Amino acid sequence: MESMAINPAQRMIIESFAASRDEKETNDLMDMLRNFYVTRLKSEMQRLWDDGTLDQTALDNLNREHLRTPYKAL
C-alpha cells in the first residue's frame, strides 16, 4: 500500500476527533461532517437540475438501474 501525506484539512479533522472529550462530542463532530457533505450534495444536485443534466426522466431511469455489485460463486 502506498503511503500518502496528510493534507491540512485531514490533519484538522484528525485533531478535532482526537480532542473530543466524550462519545457525544464525537457524534456531534460526525454530524457536522455529514451535514457539510449533505449540503454540498444538495447544491450539486440543484445545479444539475437547473442546467438540465438531471431531470425526472433521468431520476426514473436511475431508479430502475441495478447498481449492486454482482456476487460470483466461489
N, C-alpha and C. Protein backbone atom coordinates (compact mmCIF):
# COMPACT_ATOMS: atom_id res chain seq x y z
N MET A 1 0.84 -1.18 0.00
CA MET A 1 0.00 0.00 0.00
C MET A 1 0.89 1.24 0.00
N GLU A 2 0.53 2.21 -0.79
CA GLU A 2 1.30 3.43 -0.94
C GLU A 2 0.94 4.42 0.16
N SER A 3 1.93 5.00 0.83
CA SER A 3 1.64 5.99 1.87
C SER A 3 1.43 7.35 1.23
N MET A 4 0.56 8.13 1.85
CA MET A 4 0.25 9.46 1.34
C MET A 4 0.38 10.45 2.49
N ALA A 5 0.78 11.67 2.17
CA ALA A 5 0.86 12.72 3.18
C ALA A 5 -0.55 13.17 3.55
N ILE A 6 -0.70 13.54 4.79
CA ILE A 6 -1.99 14.06 5.26
C ILE A 6 -2.04 15.55 4.95
N ASN A 7 -3.13 15.97 4.31
CA ASN A 7 -3.25 17.39 3.98
C ASN A 7 -3.78 18.15 5.20
N PRO A 8 -3.73 19.49 5.18
CA PRO A 8 -4.15 20.27 6.35
C PRO A 8 -5.59 20.01 6.80
N ALA A 9 -6.49 19.80 5.87
CA ALA A 9 -7.89 19.54 6.25
C ALA A 9 -8.01 18.20 6.97
N GLN A 10 -7.31 17.19 6.46
CA GLN A 10 -7.33 15.88 7.12
C GLN A 10 -6.72 15.96 8.52
N ARG A 11 -5.63 16.71 8.64
CA ARG A 11 -4.99 16.87 9.95
C ARG A 11 -5.95 17.54 10.93
N MET A 12 -6.66 18.58 10.48
CA MET A 12 -7.59 19.28 11.35
C MET A 12 -8.70 18.35 11.83
N ILE A 13 -9.21 17.52 10.91
CA ILE A 13 -10.27 16.58 11.28
C ILE A 13 -9.76 15.56 12.30
N ILE A 14 -8.57 15.02 12.05
CA ILE A 14 -7.99 14.05 12.98
C ILE A 14 -7.79 14.69 14.35
N GLU A 15 -7.24 15.89 14.38
CA GLU A 15 -7.01 16.57 15.65
C GLU A 15 -8.32 16.90 16.37
N SER A 16 -9.35 17.24 15.60
CA SER A 16 -10.66 17.53 16.21
C SER A 16 -11.23 16.29 16.87
N PHE A 17 -11.16 15.17 16.18
CA PHE A 17 -11.66 13.93 16.77
C PHE A 17 -10.80 13.50 17.96
N ALA A 18 -9.50 13.70 17.87
CA ALA A 18 -8.61 13.31 18.97
C ALA A 18 -8.88 14.16 20.21
N ALA A 19 -9.31 15.39 20.02
CA ALA A 19 -9.56 16.28 21.15
C ALA A 19 -10.97 16.14 21.73
N SER A 20 -11.82 15.36 21.07
CA SER A 20 -13.19 15.22 21.58
C SER A 20 -13.14 14.53 22.95
N ARG A 21 -13.97 15.04 23.85
CA ARG A 21 -13.91 14.60 25.24
C ARG A 21 -14.75 13.37 25.54
N ASP A 22 -15.77 13.15 24.74
CA ASP A 22 -16.64 12.01 25.01
C ASP A 22 -17.35 11.59 23.74
N GLU A 23 -18.15 10.54 23.85
CA GLU A 23 -18.83 9.99 22.67
C GLU A 23 -19.82 10.98 22.07
N LYS A 24 -20.49 11.77 22.91
CA LYS A 24 -21.45 12.75 22.41
C LYS A 24 -20.74 13.79 21.55
N GLU A 25 -19.59 14.25 22.00
CA GLU A 25 -18.85 15.24 21.23
C GLU A 25 -18.36 14.64 19.91
N THR A 26 -17.92 13.40 19.94
CA THR A 26 -17.51 12.71 18.71
C THR A 26 -18.69 12.59 17.76
N ASN A 27 -19.84 12.22 18.27
CA ASN A 27 -21.05 12.11 17.44
C ASN A 27 -21.45 13.47 16.87
N ASP A 28 -21.29 14.53 17.66
CA ASP A 28 -21.61 15.87 17.17
C ASP A 28 -20.68 16.26 16.02
N LEU A 29 -19.39 15.93 16.15
CA LEU A 29 -18.45 16.20 15.06
C LEU A 29 -18.82 15.42 13.81
N MET A 30 -19.19 14.16 13.99
CA MET A 30 -19.59 13.34 12.84
C MET A 30 -20.83 13.92 12.17
N ASP A 31 -21.79 14.39 12.98
CA ASP A 31 -22.99 15.01 12.41
C ASP A 31 -22.64 16.27 11.61
N MET A 32 -21.69 17.06 12.12
CA MET A 32 -21.28 18.26 11.39
C MET A 32 -20.67 17.91 10.04
N LEU A 33 -19.84 16.88 10.01
CA LEU A 33 -19.24 16.45 8.74
C LEU A 33 -20.30 15.93 7.78
N ARG A 34 -21.22 15.13 8.30
CA ARG A 34 -22.30 14.61 7.44
C ARG A 34 -23.12 15.76 6.88
N ASN A 35 -23.48 16.72 7.71
CA ASN A 35 -24.28 17.85 7.25
C ASN A 35 -23.54 18.67 6.20
N PHE A 36 -22.23 18.81 6.35
CA PHE A 36 -21.42 19.51 5.36
C PHE A 36 -21.56 18.84 4.00
N TYR A 37 -21.40 17.51 3.98
CA TYR A 37 -21.48 16.79 2.70
C TYR A 37 -22.90 16.72 2.16
N VAL A 38 -23.89 16.66 3.02
CA VAL A 38 -25.28 16.69 2.56
C VAL A 38 -25.57 18.02 1.87
N THR A 39 -25.10 19.11 2.47
CA THR A 39 -25.31 20.43 1.88
C THR A 39 -24.63 20.54 0.52
N ARG A 40 -23.40 20.03 0.42
CA ARG A 40 -22.70 20.06 -0.87
C ARG A 40 -23.42 19.21 -1.91
N LEU A 41 -23.90 18.04 -1.50
CA LEU A 41 -24.61 17.17 -2.43
C LEU A 41 -25.90 17.82 -2.92
N LYS A 42 -26.65 18.43 -2.01
CA LYS A 42 -27.89 19.10 -2.41
C LYS A 42 -27.61 20.24 -3.38
N SER A 43 -26.56 21.00 -3.12
CA SER A 43 -26.20 22.10 -4.02
C SER A 43 -25.85 21.59 -5.41
N GLU A 44 -25.07 20.52 -5.45
CA GLU A 44 -24.68 19.95 -6.75
C GLU A 44 -25.88 19.38 -7.48
N MET A 45 -26.77 18.71 -6.76
CA MET A 45 -27.98 18.17 -7.41
C MET A 45 -28.86 19.31 -7.94
N GLN A 46 -28.96 20.40 -7.19
CA GLN A 46 -29.75 21.54 -7.65
C GLN A 46 -29.12 22.14 -8.90
N ARG A 47 -27.78 22.24 -8.93
CA ARG A 47 -27.10 22.78 -10.11
C ARG A 47 -27.38 21.90 -11.33
N LEU A 48 -27.30 20.57 -11.14
CA LEU A 48 -27.57 19.66 -12.25
C LEU A 48 -29.02 19.76 -12.72
N TRP A 49 -29.94 19.94 -11.78
CA TRP A 49 -31.36 20.09 -12.13
C TRP A 49 -31.55 21.39 -12.92
N ASP A 50 -30.95 22.47 -12.42
CA ASP A 50 -31.12 23.78 -13.07
C ASP A 50 -30.53 23.82 -14.47
N ASP A 51 -29.40 23.12 -14.70
CA ASP A 51 -28.81 23.16 -16.04
C ASP A 51 -29.35 22.08 -16.97
N GLY A 52 -30.30 21.27 -16.48
CA GLY A 52 -30.96 20.29 -17.32
C GLY A 52 -30.28 18.94 -17.41
N THR A 53 -29.13 18.78 -16.75
CA THR A 53 -28.44 17.50 -16.76
C THR A 53 -29.26 16.44 -16.02
N LEU A 54 -29.91 16.86 -14.96
CA LEU A 54 -30.74 15.97 -14.15
C LEU A 54 -32.18 16.41 -14.29
N ASP A 55 -33.05 15.46 -14.65
CA ASP A 55 -34.47 15.74 -14.74
C ASP A 55 -35.24 14.51 -14.26
N GLN A 56 -36.55 14.59 -14.27
CA GLN A 56 -37.36 13.48 -13.75
C GLN A 56 -37.13 12.20 -14.53
N THR A 57 -36.93 12.30 -15.84
CA THR A 57 -36.67 11.11 -16.65
C THR A 57 -35.36 10.45 -16.21
N ALA A 58 -34.33 11.25 -15.98
CA ALA A 58 -33.05 10.70 -15.53
C ALA A 58 -33.20 10.04 -14.16
N LEU A 59 -33.96 10.66 -13.27
CA LEU A 59 -34.20 10.06 -11.95
C LEU A 59 -34.97 8.75 -12.07
N ASP A 60 -35.97 8.72 -12.95
CA ASP A 60 -36.74 7.48 -13.15
C ASP A 60 -35.84 6.37 -13.71
N ASN A 61 -34.98 6.71 -14.66
CA ASN A 61 -34.05 5.73 -15.21
C ASN A 61 -33.08 5.22 -14.15
N LEU A 62 -32.58 6.11 -13.33
CA LEU A 62 -31.67 5.72 -12.26
C LEU A 62 -32.37 4.81 -11.26
N ASN A 63 -33.62 5.07 -11.01
CA ASN A 63 -34.39 4.25 -10.07
C ASN A 63 -34.54 2.81 -10.56
N ARG A 64 -34.52 2.62 -11.88
CA ARG A 64 -34.66 1.28 -12.44
C ARG A 64 -33.32 0.55 -12.59
N GLU A 65 -32.21 1.25 -12.37
CA GLU A 65 -30.88 0.66 -12.52
C GLU A 65 -30.61 -0.35 -11.41
N HIS A 66 -29.88 -1.39 -11.78
CA HIS A 66 -29.42 -2.38 -10.80
C HIS A 66 -27.94 -2.09 -10.58
N LEU A 67 -27.62 -1.40 -9.49
CA LEU A 67 -26.26 -0.91 -9.28
C LEU A 67 -25.46 -1.73 -8.28
N ARG A 68 -26.01 -2.80 -7.80
CA ARG A 68 -25.27 -3.63 -6.84
C ARG A 68 -24.19 -4.42 -7.54
N THR A 69 -23.13 -4.67 -6.81
CA THR A 69 -22.03 -5.48 -7.32
C THR A 69 -22.49 -6.93 -7.42
N PRO A 70 -22.34 -7.54 -8.59
CA PRO A 70 -22.75 -8.94 -8.70
C PRO A 70 -21.81 -9.85 -7.89
N TYR A 71 -22.39 -10.81 -7.25
CA TYR A 71 -21.60 -11.77 -6.48
C TYR A 71 -21.30 -12.96 -7.35
N LYS A 72 -20.08 -13.43 -7.29
CA LYS A 72 -19.68 -14.58 -8.10
C LYS A 72 -19.55 -15.79 -7.18
N ALA A 73 -20.02 -16.92 -7.67
CA ALA A 73 -19.90 -18.16 -6.89
C ALA A 73 -18.43 -18.54 -6.79
N LEU A 74 -18.06 -19.06 -5.65
CA LEU A 74 -16.66 -19.46 -5.45
C LEU A 74 -16.37 -20.79 -6.06
